[in-house]
Amino acid sequence: MHTTLLLVRNGATEWSRERRVAGRRDIGLSVEGRAQAEELAARLKGVDVAEVLSSPLPRAFETAELIATSHDNEVARDPRLTDFHAGKWEGMKYADVSVSDEYKRFLVSPLSDAIPGGETLHAARDRMVGSIDQALGDNELGANIMVVSHAGPLRVLIAHYLGMDLANYHRLRISPCSVTALRFETEHGVPRVLAINCMGDVNPIIR
């Protein structure tokens, strides 16, 4: 028996179209983002989901609700699944952040330096792992658990489970409404990676 974790990134927003750092702003889905979530709900048709957990931020919660409704599930909010505390960078365009001296310093030593005015990668990893550990403990082996969060924290979480250096988290691509599937044989074991950034039918992957 095993437990399968389905990690989902929220759908697109107007800020993602503008290439802005959303951080913890209360931003909902754009028309495109809702369409992405509805398409993902269709791709997940036939997948028996025991629990749906979500970041409390509107863009994630709306994504989770659109999926959960089609599975007759309710969505549980978990603040540990929220986006990075982006500090000074929140609201800025990625192009402007990427040329700043602070961002260049952060890339050199992301494990020792925090996002200016924000959090460290270790802090983001620890809260994400804490949420997953609780979900695994709350569900019986054999369950499929869906977790809806955001690109940055999901990259950090996946890097952790892959055994990667967290400093390389940004090398992972996690697209809006993509699915990353991890399979746990035990509650606290190292998972098997079934898929990363899947944009197609999930059913064959998790069988």
N, C-alpha and C. Protein backbone atom coordinates (compact mmCIF):
# COMPACT_ATOMS: atom_id res chain seq x y z
N MET A 1 0.84 -1.20 0.00
CA MET A 1 0.00 0.00 0.00
C MET A 1 0.87 1.26 0.00
N HIS A 2 0.33 2.33 -0.54
CA HIS A 2 1.09 3.56 -0.62
C HIS A 2 0.13 4.75 -0.60
N THR A 3 0.68 5.91 -0.34
CA THR A 3 -0.08 7.16 -0.41
C THR A 3 0.52 8.02 -1.52
N THR A 4 -0.35 8.56 -2.37
CA THR A 4 0.12 9.38 -3.48
C THR A 4 -0.21 10.84 -3.21
N LEU A 5 0.79 11.67 -3.33
CA LEU A 5 0.66 13.11 -3.10
C LEU A 5 0.66 13.81 -4.45
N LEU A 6 -0.38 14.57 -4.71
CA LEU A 6 -0.50 15.33 -5.96
C LEU A 6 -0.28 16.81 -5.64
N LEU A 7 0.86 17.33 -6.06
CA LEU A 7 1.21 18.72 -5.80
C LEU A 7 0.81 19.57 -6.99
N VAL A 8 -0.05 20.55 -6.76
CA VAL A 8 -0.61 21.37 -7.83
C VAL A 8 -0.25 22.83 -7.62
N ARG A 9 0.23 23.47 -8.68
CA ARG A 9 0.46 24.91 -8.61
C ARG A 9 -0.84 25.63 -8.96
N ASN A 10 -1.08 26.76 -8.31
CA ASN A 10 -2.27 27.56 -8.63
C ASN A 10 -2.28 27.99 -10.09
N GLY A 11 -3.49 28.31 -10.58
CA GLY A 11 -3.63 28.81 -11.94
C GLY A 11 -3.10 30.23 -12.09
N ALA A 12 -3.12 30.71 -13.31
CA ALA A 12 -2.55 32.02 -13.65
C ALA A 12 -3.37 33.16 -13.08
N THR A 13 -2.70 34.28 -12.85
CA THR A 13 -3.33 35.52 -12.39
C THR A 13 -2.91 36.65 -13.32
N GLU A 14 -3.51 37.82 -13.12
CA GLU A 14 -3.08 38.98 -13.91
C GLU A 14 -1.63 39.34 -13.60
N TRP A 15 -1.23 39.12 -12.35
CA TRP A 15 0.15 39.44 -11.99
C TRP A 15 1.13 38.46 -12.63
N SER A 16 0.74 37.20 -12.78
CA SER A 16 1.66 36.27 -13.45
C SER A 16 1.79 36.65 -14.92
N ARG A 17 0.71 37.17 -15.52
CA ARG A 17 0.79 37.64 -16.90
C ARG A 17 1.73 38.83 -17.00
N GLU A 18 1.71 39.68 -15.98
CA GLU A 18 2.58 40.86 -15.96
C GLU A 18 3.97 40.55 -15.44
N ARG A 19 4.19 39.29 -15.06
CA ARG A 19 5.50 38.85 -14.54
C ARG A 19 5.88 39.63 -13.28
N ARG A 20 4.92 39.70 -12.33
CA ARG A 20 5.17 40.35 -11.06
C ARG A 20 5.26 39.31 -9.95
N VAL A 21 6.04 39.62 -8.91
CA VAL A 21 6.16 38.75 -7.74
C VAL A 21 4.91 38.92 -6.89
N ALA A 22 4.10 37.87 -6.80
CA ALA A 22 2.83 37.96 -6.08
C ALA A 22 3.02 37.84 -4.57
N GLY A 23 3.95 36.98 -4.15
CA GLY A 23 4.16 36.79 -2.72
C GLY A 23 2.86 36.44 -2.03
N ARG A 24 2.54 37.16 -0.97
CA ARG A 24 1.35 36.85 -0.18
C ARG A 24 0.21 37.84 -0.42
N ARG A 25 0.22 38.49 -1.56
CA ARG A 25 -0.87 39.39 -1.92
C ARG A 25 -2.15 38.57 -2.18
N ASP A 26 -3.28 39.15 -1.84
CA ASP A 26 -4.58 38.49 -2.05
C ASP A 26 -5.03 38.69 -3.50
N ILE A 27 -4.49 37.90 -4.38
CA ILE A 27 -4.78 38.02 -5.81
C ILE A 27 -5.52 36.76 -6.26
N GLY A 28 -6.64 36.96 -6.93
CA GLY A 28 -7.42 35.83 -7.42
C GLY A 28 -6.97 35.38 -8.81
N LEU A 29 -7.61 34.34 -9.30
CA LEU A 29 -7.30 33.82 -10.62
C LEU A 29 -7.79 34.77 -11.72
N SER A 30 -7.06 34.80 -12.81
CA SER A 30 -7.52 35.49 -14.01
C SER A 30 -8.47 34.57 -14.77
N VAL A 31 -9.05 35.07 -15.84
CA VAL A 31 -9.91 34.24 -16.68
C VAL A 31 -9.11 33.03 -17.18
N GLU A 32 -7.86 33.27 -17.58
CA GLU A 32 -7.00 32.19 -18.03
C GLU A 32 -6.76 31.18 -16.91
N GLY A 33 -6.55 31.68 -15.69
CA GLY A 33 -6.28 30.80 -14.56
C GLY A 33 -7.47 29.91 -14.22
N ARG A 34 -8.67 30.47 -14.30
CA ARG A 34 -9.87 29.66 -14.05
C ARG A 34 -10.01 28.57 -15.11
N ALA A 35 -9.72 28.92 -16.34
CA ALA A 35 -9.79 27.93 -17.42
C ALA A 35 -8.77 26.82 -17.20
N GLN A 36 -7.58 27.18 -16.73
CA GLN A 36 -6.55 26.18 -16.43
C GLN A 36 -7.01 25.23 -15.33
N ALA A 37 -7.62 25.79 -14.28
CA ALA A 37 -8.08 24.97 -13.16
C ALA A 37 -9.22 24.04 -13.59
N GLU A 38 -10.12 24.55 -14.42
CA GLU A 38 -11.21 23.71 -14.92
C GLU A 38 -10.69 22.59 -15.81
N GLU A 39 -9.66 22.90 -16.60
CA GLU A 39 -9.05 21.87 -17.44
C GLU A 39 -8.37 20.81 -16.58
N LEU A 40 -7.70 21.25 -15.51
CA LEU A 40 -7.05 20.29 -14.62
C LEU A 40 -8.08 19.41 -13.94
N ALA A 41 -9.21 19.98 -13.54
CA ALA A 41 -10.27 19.19 -12.93
C ALA A 41 -10.72 18.08 -13.88
N ALA A 42 -10.79 18.40 -15.17
CA ALA A 42 -11.17 17.39 -16.16
C ALA A 42 -10.08 16.33 -16.30
N ARG A 43 -8.82 16.75 -16.24
CA ARG A 43 -7.72 15.79 -16.35
C ARG A 43 -7.66 14.85 -15.16
N LEU A 44 -8.18 15.31 -14.03
CA LEU A 44 -8.17 14.50 -12.81
C LEU A 44 -9.44 13.67 -12.65
N LYS A 45 -10.31 13.73 -13.62
CA LYS A 45 -11.55 12.96 -13.54
C LYS A 45 -11.22 11.48 -13.42
N GLY A 46 -11.84 10.83 -12.48
CA GLY A 46 -11.56 9.41 -12.27
C GLY A 46 -10.53 9.15 -11.19
N VAL A 47 -9.82 10.20 -10.74
CA VAL A 47 -8.86 10.05 -9.65
C VAL A 47 -9.61 10.21 -8.33
N ASP A 48 -9.53 9.22 -7.48
CA ASP A 48 -10.21 9.27 -6.18
C ASP A 48 -9.34 10.06 -5.20
N VAL A 49 -9.78 11.26 -4.84
CA VAL A 49 -9.01 12.14 -3.97
C VAL A 49 -9.62 12.12 -2.57
N ALA A 50 -8.80 11.74 -1.59
CA ALA A 50 -9.29 11.63 -0.21
C ALA A 50 -9.35 12.97 0.49
N GLU A 51 -8.39 13.85 0.20
CA GLU A 51 -8.31 15.15 0.89
C GLU A 51 -7.70 16.17 -0.05
N VAL A 52 -8.23 17.40 0.02
CA VAL A 52 -7.69 18.52 -0.75
C VAL A 52 -7.25 19.60 0.23
N LEU A 53 -5.97 19.92 0.21
CA LEU A 53 -5.40 20.96 1.06
C LEU A 53 -4.94 22.12 0.19
N SER A 54 -5.04 23.33 0.71
CA SER A 54 -4.67 24.49 -0.09
C SER A 54 -4.05 25.58 0.74
N SER A 55 -3.16 26.32 0.09
CA SER A 55 -2.75 27.62 0.62
C SER A 55 -4.00 28.47 0.78
N PRO A 56 -4.03 29.34 1.79
CA PRO A 56 -5.21 30.20 1.98
C PRO A 56 -5.29 31.36 1.00
N LEU A 57 -4.26 31.61 0.23
CA LEU A 57 -4.29 32.74 -0.71
C LEU A 57 -5.32 32.49 -1.80
N PRO A 58 -6.07 33.53 -2.22
CA PRO A 58 -7.19 33.33 -3.14
C PRO A 58 -6.84 32.57 -4.41
N ARG A 59 -5.69 32.84 -5.02
CA ARG A 59 -5.37 32.18 -6.29
C ARG A 59 -5.21 30.67 -6.13
N ALA A 60 -4.72 30.24 -4.98
CA ALA A 60 -4.59 28.81 -4.72
C ALA A 60 -5.93 28.20 -4.30
N PHE A 61 -6.63 28.90 -3.40
CA PHE A 61 -7.90 28.37 -2.89
C PHE A 61 -8.93 28.25 -4.01
N GLU A 62 -8.98 29.23 -4.90
CA GLU A 62 -9.91 29.17 -6.03
C GLU A 62 -9.57 27.99 -6.94
N THR A 63 -8.29 27.76 -7.18
CA THR A 63 -7.86 26.61 -7.98
C THR A 63 -8.31 25.31 -7.31
N ALA A 64 -8.06 25.22 -6.01
CA ALA A 64 -8.42 24.00 -5.27
C ALA A 64 -9.93 23.77 -5.29
N GLU A 65 -10.71 24.84 -5.13
CA GLU A 65 -12.16 24.69 -5.11
C GLU A 65 -12.69 24.20 -6.45
N LEU A 66 -12.17 24.72 -7.54
CA LEU A 66 -12.63 24.29 -8.85
C LEU A 66 -12.36 22.82 -9.09
N ILE A 67 -11.25 22.33 -8.53
CA ILE A 67 -10.92 20.90 -8.67
C ILE A 67 -11.75 20.07 -7.69
N ALA A 68 -11.82 20.53 -6.44
CA ALA A 68 -12.49 19.76 -5.40
C ALA A 68 -13.98 19.59 -5.68
N THR A 69 -14.62 20.62 -6.25
CA THR A 69 -16.05 20.55 -6.54
C THR A 69 -16.38 19.37 -7.44
N SER A 70 -15.51 19.11 -8.41
CA SER A 70 -15.77 18.02 -9.34
C SER A 70 -15.53 16.65 -8.69
N HIS A 71 -14.92 16.63 -7.51
CA HIS A 71 -14.67 15.38 -6.80
C HIS A 71 -15.52 15.27 -5.52
N ASP A 72 -16.44 16.22 -5.34
CA ASP A 72 -17.28 16.24 -4.13
C ASP A 72 -16.45 16.31 -2.86
N ASN A 73 -15.35 17.06 -2.94
CA ASN A 73 -14.49 17.27 -1.77
C ASN A 73 -14.65 18.70 -1.26
N GLU A 74 -14.32 18.90 0.01
CA GLU A 74 -14.16 20.25 0.54
C GLU A 74 -12.67 20.56 0.60
N VAL A 75 -12.35 21.83 0.61
CA VAL A 75 -10.96 22.26 0.64
C VAL A 75 -10.61 22.73 2.04
N ALA A 76 -9.51 22.20 2.58
CA ALA A 76 -9.01 22.65 3.88
C ALA A 76 -7.85 23.61 3.66
N ARG A 77 -7.94 24.79 4.25
CA ARG A 77 -6.86 25.77 4.14
C ARG A 77 -5.76 25.45 5.16
N ASP A 78 -4.52 25.53 4.71
CA ASP A 78 -3.38 25.35 5.61
C ASP A 78 -2.40 26.49 5.36
N PRO A 79 -2.22 27.40 6.31
CA PRO A 79 -1.32 28.55 6.11
C PRO A 79 0.12 28.15 5.85
N ARG A 80 0.50 26.93 6.20
CA ARG A 80 1.87 26.47 5.93
C ARG A 80 2.13 26.29 4.45
N LEU A 81 1.07 26.24 3.65
CA LEU A 81 1.20 26.05 2.20
C LEU A 81 1.21 27.37 1.43
N THR A 82 1.26 28.50 2.15
CA THR A 82 1.21 29.80 1.49
C THR A 82 2.49 30.07 0.69
N ASP A 83 2.44 31.11 -0.11
CA ASP A 83 3.59 31.45 -0.97
C ASP A 83 4.73 32.01 -0.12
N PHE A 84 5.90 32.17 -0.77
CA PHE A 84 7.04 32.79 -0.10
C PHE A 84 6.64 34.12 0.52
N HIS A 85 7.21 34.40 1.68
CA HIS A 85 7.18 35.76 2.20
C HIS A 85 8.22 36.52 1.39
N ALA A 86 7.77 37.25 0.35
CA ALA A 86 8.68 37.83 -0.62
C ALA A 86 9.25 39.17 -0.21
N GLY A 87 8.81 39.69 0.93
CA GLY A 87 9.41 40.91 1.47
C GLY A 87 9.45 42.06 0.48
N LYS A 88 10.62 42.62 0.31
CA LYS A 88 10.82 43.81 -0.52
C LYS A 88 10.44 43.56 -1.98
N TRP A 89 10.54 42.30 -2.42
CA TRP A 89 10.30 42.01 -3.84
C TRP A 89 8.83 41.91 -4.20
N GLU A 90 7.96 41.78 -3.22
CA GLU A 90 6.54 41.61 -3.51
C GLU A 90 6.00 42.79 -4.32
N GLY A 91 5.34 42.48 -5.41
CA GLY A 91 4.78 43.50 -6.29
C GLY A 91 5.71 43.95 -7.39
N MET A 92 7.01 43.66 -7.27
CA MET A 92 7.97 44.06 -8.28
C MET A 92 7.91 43.14 -9.49
N LYS A 93 8.32 43.63 -10.63
CA LYS A 93 8.42 42.77 -11.81
C LYS A 93 9.68 41.91 -11.69
N TYR A 94 9.55 40.68 -12.16
CA TYR A 94 10.69 39.77 -12.09
C TYR A 94 11.92 40.34 -12.78
N ALA A 95 11.72 41.05 -13.88
CA ALA A 95 12.84 41.63 -14.61
C ALA A 95 13.61 42.62 -13.75
N ASP A 96 12.89 43.37 -12.91
CA ASP A 96 13.55 44.35 -12.03
C ASP A 96 14.23 43.66 -10.86
N VAL A 97 13.59 42.62 -10.32
CA VAL A 97 14.20 41.87 -9.22
C VAL A 97 15.50 41.22 -9.67
N SER A 98 15.48 40.63 -10.87
CA SER A 98 16.62 39.83 -11.33
C SER A 98 17.89 40.65 -11.53
N VAL A 99 17.78 41.95 -11.72
CA VAL A 99 18.98 42.78 -11.92
C VAL A 99 19.41 43.50 -10.64
N SER A 100 18.67 43.29 -9.54
CA SER A 100 19.01 43.97 -8.30
C SER A 100 20.20 43.28 -7.63
N ASP A 101 20.99 44.07 -6.90
CA ASP A 101 22.15 43.52 -6.19
C ASP A 101 21.71 42.52 -5.12
N GLU A 102 20.57 42.79 -4.48
CA GLU A 102 20.08 41.88 -3.43
C GLU A 102 19.75 40.52 -4.00
N TYR A 103 19.15 40.50 -5.18
CA TYR A 103 18.81 39.20 -5.79
C TYR A 103 20.08 38.45 -6.20
N LYS A 104 21.06 39.16 -6.71
CA LYS A 104 22.32 38.52 -7.09
C LYS A 104 23.01 37.92 -5.87
N ARG A 105 22.96 38.62 -4.73
CA ARG A 105 23.54 38.08 -3.50
C ARG A 105 22.74 36.86 -3.04
N PHE A 106 21.42 36.93 -3.17
CA PHE A 106 20.57 35.80 -2.77
C PHE A 106 20.88 34.56 -3.59
N LEU A 107 21.10 34.72 -4.89
CA LEU A 107 21.43 33.57 -5.74
C LEU A 107 22.75 32.93 -5.35
N VAL A 108 23.69 33.74 -4.89
CA VAL A 108 25.00 33.22 -4.50
C VAL A 108 24.89 32.38 -3.23
N SER A 109 24.09 32.83 -2.28
CA SER A 109 23.99 32.10 -1.01
C SER A 109 22.55 32.06 -0.51
N PRO A 110 21.65 31.37 -1.26
CA PRO A 110 20.24 31.35 -0.87
C PRO A 110 19.96 30.58 0.40
N LEU A 111 20.89 29.75 0.85
CA LEU A 111 20.64 28.97 2.06
C LEU A 111 21.01 29.73 3.32
N SER A 112 21.83 30.76 3.18
CA SER A 112 22.22 31.54 4.36
C SER A 112 21.55 32.90 4.40
N ASP A 113 21.12 33.39 3.23
CA ASP A 113 20.48 34.70 3.17
C ASP A 113 18.98 34.56 3.00
N ALA A 114 18.23 35.40 3.67
CA ALA A 114 16.78 35.43 3.50
C ALA A 114 16.43 36.35 2.33
N ILE A 115 15.25 36.17 1.77
CA ILE A 115 14.71 37.16 0.85
C ILE A 115 14.64 38.48 1.63
N PRO A 116 15.09 39.60 1.04
CA PRO A 116 15.10 40.87 1.79
C PRO A 116 13.73 41.19 2.40
N GLY A 117 13.68 41.19 3.72
CA GLY A 117 12.42 41.44 4.41
C GLY A 117 11.49 40.25 4.42
N GLY A 118 11.96 39.10 3.93
CA GLY A 118 11.12 37.92 3.82
C GLY A 118 11.68 36.73 4.58
N GLU A 119 11.51 35.53 4.01
CA GLU A 119 11.89 34.31 4.71
C GLU A 119 13.05 33.60 4.01
N THR A 120 13.61 32.61 4.69
CA THR A 120 14.67 31.79 4.13
C THR A 120 14.07 30.56 3.44
N LEU A 121 14.86 29.94 2.58
CA LEU A 121 14.42 28.71 1.92
C LEU A 121 14.19 27.60 2.94
N HIS A 122 15.04 27.56 3.98
CA HIS A 122 14.86 26.54 5.02
C HIS A 122 13.53 26.70 5.74
N ALA A 123 13.15 27.94 6.00
CA ALA A 123 11.88 28.19 6.67
C ALA A 123 10.71 27.76 5.79
N ALA A 124 10.81 28.06 4.50
CA ALA A 124 9.75 27.64 3.57
C ALA A 124 9.67 26.13 3.48
N ARG A 125 10.83 25.49 3.40
CA ARG A 125 10.85 24.02 3.33
C ARG A 125 10.23 23.41 4.58
N ASP A 126 10.61 23.91 5.75
CA ASP A 126 10.15 23.30 7.00
C ASP A 126 8.64 23.41 7.15
N ARG A 127 8.05 24.53 6.77
CA ARG A 127 6.60 24.65 6.92
C ARG A 127 5.87 23.77 5.90
N MET A 128 6.41 23.69 4.69
CA MET A 128 5.79 22.84 3.67
C MET A 128 5.86 21.36 4.08
N VAL A 129 7.03 20.92 4.53
CA VAL A 129 7.20 19.53 4.95
C VAL A 129 6.30 19.23 6.14
N GLY A 130 6.17 20.18 7.05
CA GLY A 130 5.29 19.99 8.21
C GLY A 130 3.85 19.74 7.78
N SER A 131 3.39 20.47 6.79
CA SER A 131 2.03 20.27 6.28
C SER A 131 1.87 18.90 5.65
N ILE A 132 2.86 18.50 4.85
CA ILE A 132 2.80 17.20 4.18
C ILE A 132 2.85 16.06 5.19
N ASP A 133 3.72 16.17 6.18
CA ASP A 133 3.81 15.12 7.20
C ASP A 133 2.47 14.94 7.92
N GLN A 134 1.81 16.05 8.22
CA GLN A 134 0.51 15.95 8.89
C GLN A 134 -0.52 15.29 7.97
N ALA A 135 -0.52 15.68 6.70
CA ALA A 135 -1.48 15.10 5.75
C ALA A 135 -1.27 13.60 5.61
N LEU A 136 -0.02 13.18 5.56
CA LEU A 136 0.28 11.75 5.45
C LEU A 136 -0.18 11.00 6.70
N GLY A 137 0.00 11.64 7.86
CA GLY A 137 -0.41 11.01 9.10
C GLY A 137 -1.92 10.94 9.27
N ASP A 138 -2.63 11.92 8.68
CA ASP A 138 -4.08 11.99 8.83
C ASP A 138 -4.83 11.06 7.89
N ASN A 139 -4.14 10.57 6.84
CA ASN A 139 -4.79 9.73 5.85
C ASN A 139 -4.22 8.31 5.86
N GLU A 140 -5.07 7.35 5.58
CA GLU A 140 -4.63 5.96 5.54
C GLU A 140 -3.81 5.69 4.29
N LEU A 141 -2.94 4.69 4.36
CA LEU A 141 -2.21 4.27 3.18
C LEU A 141 -3.20 3.87 2.09
N GLY A 142 -2.90 4.25 0.87
CA GLY A 142 -3.79 3.99 -0.25
C GLY A 142 -4.51 5.23 -0.73
N ALA A 143 -4.42 6.32 0.05
CA ALA A 143 -5.13 7.55 -0.30
C ALA A 143 -4.37 8.37 -1.34
N ASN A 144 -5.12 9.17 -2.09
CA ASN A 144 -4.55 10.21 -2.95
C ASN A 144 -4.85 11.55 -2.29
N ILE A 145 -3.82 12.33 -2.03
CA ILE A 145 -3.96 13.62 -1.35
C ILE A 145 -3.54 14.72 -2.32
N MET A 146 -4.37 15.74 -2.46
CA MET A 146 -4.03 16.86 -3.33
C MET A 146 -3.64 18.07 -2.50
N VAL A 147 -2.54 18.69 -2.88
CA VAL A 147 -2.04 19.89 -2.20
C VAL A 147 -1.86 20.99 -3.24
N VAL A 148 -2.55 22.12 -3.04
CA VAL A 148 -2.47 23.24 -3.97
C VAL A 148 -1.68 24.37 -3.32
N SER A 149 -0.58 24.72 -3.94
CA SER A 149 0.29 25.76 -3.39
C SER A 149 0.84 26.60 -4.54
N HIS A 150 2.05 27.11 -4.38
CA HIS A 150 2.60 28.10 -5.29
C HIS A 150 3.97 27.65 -5.82
N ALA A 151 4.40 28.27 -6.91
CA ALA A 151 5.58 27.80 -7.62
C ALA A 151 6.82 27.71 -6.73
N GLY A 152 7.16 28.80 -6.03
CA GLY A 152 8.38 28.81 -5.23
C GLY A 152 8.40 27.75 -4.14
N PRO A 153 7.41 27.75 -3.25
CA PRO A 153 7.39 26.74 -2.19
C PRO A 153 7.33 25.30 -2.74
N LEU A 154 6.61 25.09 -3.84
CA LEU A 154 6.56 23.74 -4.41
C LEU A 154 7.92 23.33 -4.95
N ARG A 155 8.64 24.26 -5.56
CA ARG A 155 10.00 23.94 -6.03
C ARG A 155 10.89 23.52 -4.86
N VAL A 156 10.81 24.28 -3.78
CA VAL A 156 11.62 23.96 -2.60
C VAL A 156 11.25 22.59 -2.03
N LEU A 157 9.94 22.31 -1.95
CA LEU A 157 9.47 21.03 -1.42
C LEU A 157 9.94 19.87 -2.30
N ILE A 158 9.80 20.02 -3.62
CA ILE A 158 10.21 18.96 -4.53
C ILE A 158 11.72 18.75 -4.47
N ALA A 159 12.48 19.85 -4.42
CA ALA A 159 13.94 19.73 -4.29
C ALA A 159 14.30 18.95 -3.03
N HIS A 160 13.58 19.22 -1.96
CA HIS A 160 13.81 18.50 -0.70
C HIS A 160 13.59 17.00 -0.88
N TYR A 161 12.48 16.61 -1.47
CA TYR A 161 12.18 15.19 -1.63
C TYR A 161 13.06 14.51 -2.66
N LEU A 162 13.60 15.29 -3.61
CA LEU A 162 14.54 14.72 -4.58
C LEU A 162 15.95 14.58 -4.00
N GLY A 163 16.18 15.16 -2.84
CA GLY A 163 17.52 15.13 -2.25
C GLY A 163 18.45 16.14 -2.89
N MET A 164 17.89 17.14 -3.57
CA MET A 164 18.70 18.19 -4.20
C MET A 164 19.15 19.21 -3.17
N ASP A 165 20.23 19.90 -3.50
CA ASP A 165 20.62 21.08 -2.73
C ASP A 165 19.52 22.13 -2.93
N LEU A 166 18.97 22.65 -1.85
CA LEU A 166 17.88 23.62 -1.97
C LEU A 166 18.29 24.85 -2.77
N ALA A 167 19.58 25.13 -2.82
CA ALA A 167 20.05 26.29 -3.58
C ALA A 167 19.73 26.15 -5.07
N ASN A 168 19.44 24.93 -5.52
CA ASN A 168 19.13 24.69 -6.92
C ASN A 168 17.64 24.60 -7.19
N TYR A 169 16.83 25.01 -6.22
CA TYR A 169 15.37 24.87 -6.36
C TYR A 169 14.84 25.56 -7.61
N HIS A 170 15.45 26.70 -7.98
CA HIS A 170 14.96 27.50 -9.10
C HIS A 170 15.15 26.81 -10.44
N ARG A 171 15.91 25.70 -10.47
CA ARG A 171 16.11 24.96 -11.73
C ARG A 171 14.89 24.12 -12.09
N LEU A 172 13.99 23.91 -11.15
CA LEU A 172 12.79 23.13 -11.40
C LEU A 172 11.70 24.02 -11.99
N ARG A 173 11.08 23.54 -13.05
CA ARG A 173 9.97 24.29 -13.66
C ARG A 173 8.65 23.72 -13.16
N ILE A 174 7.80 24.58 -12.63
CA ILE A 174 6.48 24.19 -12.15
C ILE A 174 5.48 25.15 -12.77
N SER A 175 4.76 24.68 -13.78
CA SER A 175 3.84 25.52 -14.54
C SER A 175 2.49 25.66 -13.84
N PRO A 176 1.74 26.71 -14.17
CA PRO A 176 0.40 26.86 -13.57
C PRO A 176 -0.47 25.64 -13.83
N CYS A 177 -1.10 25.15 -12.77
CA CYS A 177 -2.00 23.99 -12.82
C CYS A 177 -1.31 22.72 -13.31
N SER A 178 0.00 22.65 -13.10
CA SER A 178 0.71 21.39 -13.35
C SER A 178 0.58 20.50 -12.12
N VAL A 179 0.85 19.20 -12.33
CA VAL A 179 0.79 18.23 -11.24
C VAL A 179 2.15 17.56 -11.09
N THR A 180 2.65 17.53 -9.87
CA THR A 180 3.82 16.72 -9.53
C THR A 180 3.33 15.62 -8.59
N ALA A 181 3.62 14.38 -8.95
CA ALA A 181 3.09 13.23 -8.19
C ALA A 181 4.21 12.52 -7.45
N LEU A 182 4.05 12.36 -6.15
CA LEU A 182 5.00 11.66 -5.29
C LEU A 182 4.29 10.49 -4.61
N ARG A 183 4.95 9.37 -4.52
CA ARG A 183 4.34 8.19 -3.89
C ARG A 183 5.13 7.79 -2.65
N PHE A 184 4.44 7.76 -1.51
CA PHE A 184 5.04 7.40 -0.23
C PHE A 184 4.62 5.99 0.15
N GLU A 185 5.61 5.14 0.41
CA GLU A 185 5.31 3.77 0.85
C GLU A 185 5.06 3.73 2.35
N THR A 186 5.65 4.67 3.09
CA THR A 186 5.42 4.79 4.53
C THR A 186 5.20 6.26 4.85
N GLU A 187 4.73 6.53 6.06
CA GLU A 187 4.36 7.89 6.44
C GLU A 187 5.54 8.85 6.37
N HIS A 188 6.73 8.40 6.77
CA HIS A 188 7.89 9.30 6.84
C HIS A 188 9.02 8.86 5.92
N GLY A 189 8.73 8.01 4.94
CA GLY A 189 9.78 7.53 4.06
C GLY A 189 10.11 8.52 2.95
N VAL A 190 11.10 8.16 2.13
CA VAL A 190 11.47 8.95 0.97
C VAL A 190 10.55 8.55 -0.19
N PRO A 191 9.87 9.51 -0.81
CA PRO A 191 8.89 9.14 -1.83
C PRO A 191 9.53 8.78 -3.16
N ARG A 192 8.79 8.02 -3.94
CA ARG A 192 9.14 7.78 -5.33
C ARG A 192 8.51 8.89 -6.16
N VAL A 193 9.27 9.43 -7.10
CA VAL A 193 8.78 10.53 -7.94
C VAL A 193 8.13 9.92 -9.18
N LEU A 194 6.82 10.14 -9.32
CA LEU A 194 6.08 9.59 -10.46
C LEU A 194 6.04 10.57 -11.63
N ALA A 195 6.00 11.86 -11.33
CA ALA A 195 5.95 12.88 -12.39
C ALA A 195 6.27 14.23 -11.80
N ILE A 196 6.87 15.09 -12.62
CA ILE A 196 7.13 16.48 -12.24
C ILE A 196 6.59 17.37 -13.36
N ASN A 197 5.80 18.37 -12.98
CA ASN A 197 5.27 19.35 -13.93
C ASN A 197 4.42 18.70 -15.02
N CYS A 198 3.61 17.73 -14.64
CA CYS A 198 2.76 17.03 -15.61
C CYS A 198 1.61 17.94 -16.04
N MET A 199 1.42 18.06 -17.35
CA MET A 199 0.33 18.87 -17.90
C MET A 199 -0.68 18.02 -18.66
N GLY A 200 -0.56 16.70 -18.54
CA GLY A 200 -1.46 15.80 -19.25
C GLY A 200 -2.32 14.98 -18.31
N ASP A 201 -2.77 13.84 -18.80
CA ASP A 201 -3.64 12.95 -18.04
C ASP A 201 -2.86 12.36 -16.86
N VAL A 202 -3.40 12.53 -15.67
CA VAL A 202 -2.70 12.05 -14.46
C VAL A 202 -2.98 10.58 -14.19
N ASN A 203 -4.11 10.08 -14.65
CA ASN A 203 -4.53 8.72 -14.31
C ASN A 203 -3.48 7.65 -14.60
N PRO A 204 -2.86 7.61 -15.80
CA PRO A 204 -1.87 6.57 -16.05
C PRO A 204 -0.64 6.66 -15.15
N ILE A 205 -0.35 7.87 -14.67
CA ILE A 205 0.86 8.08 -13.87
C ILE A 205 0.72 7.48 -12.49
N ILE A 206 -0.47 7.58 -11.90
CA ILE A 206 -0.63 7.19 -10.49
C ILE A 206 -1.20 5.78 -10.33
N ARG A 207 -1.43 5.09 -11.41
CA ARG A 207 -1.94 3.71 -11.28
C ARG A 207 -0.89 2.79 -10.68
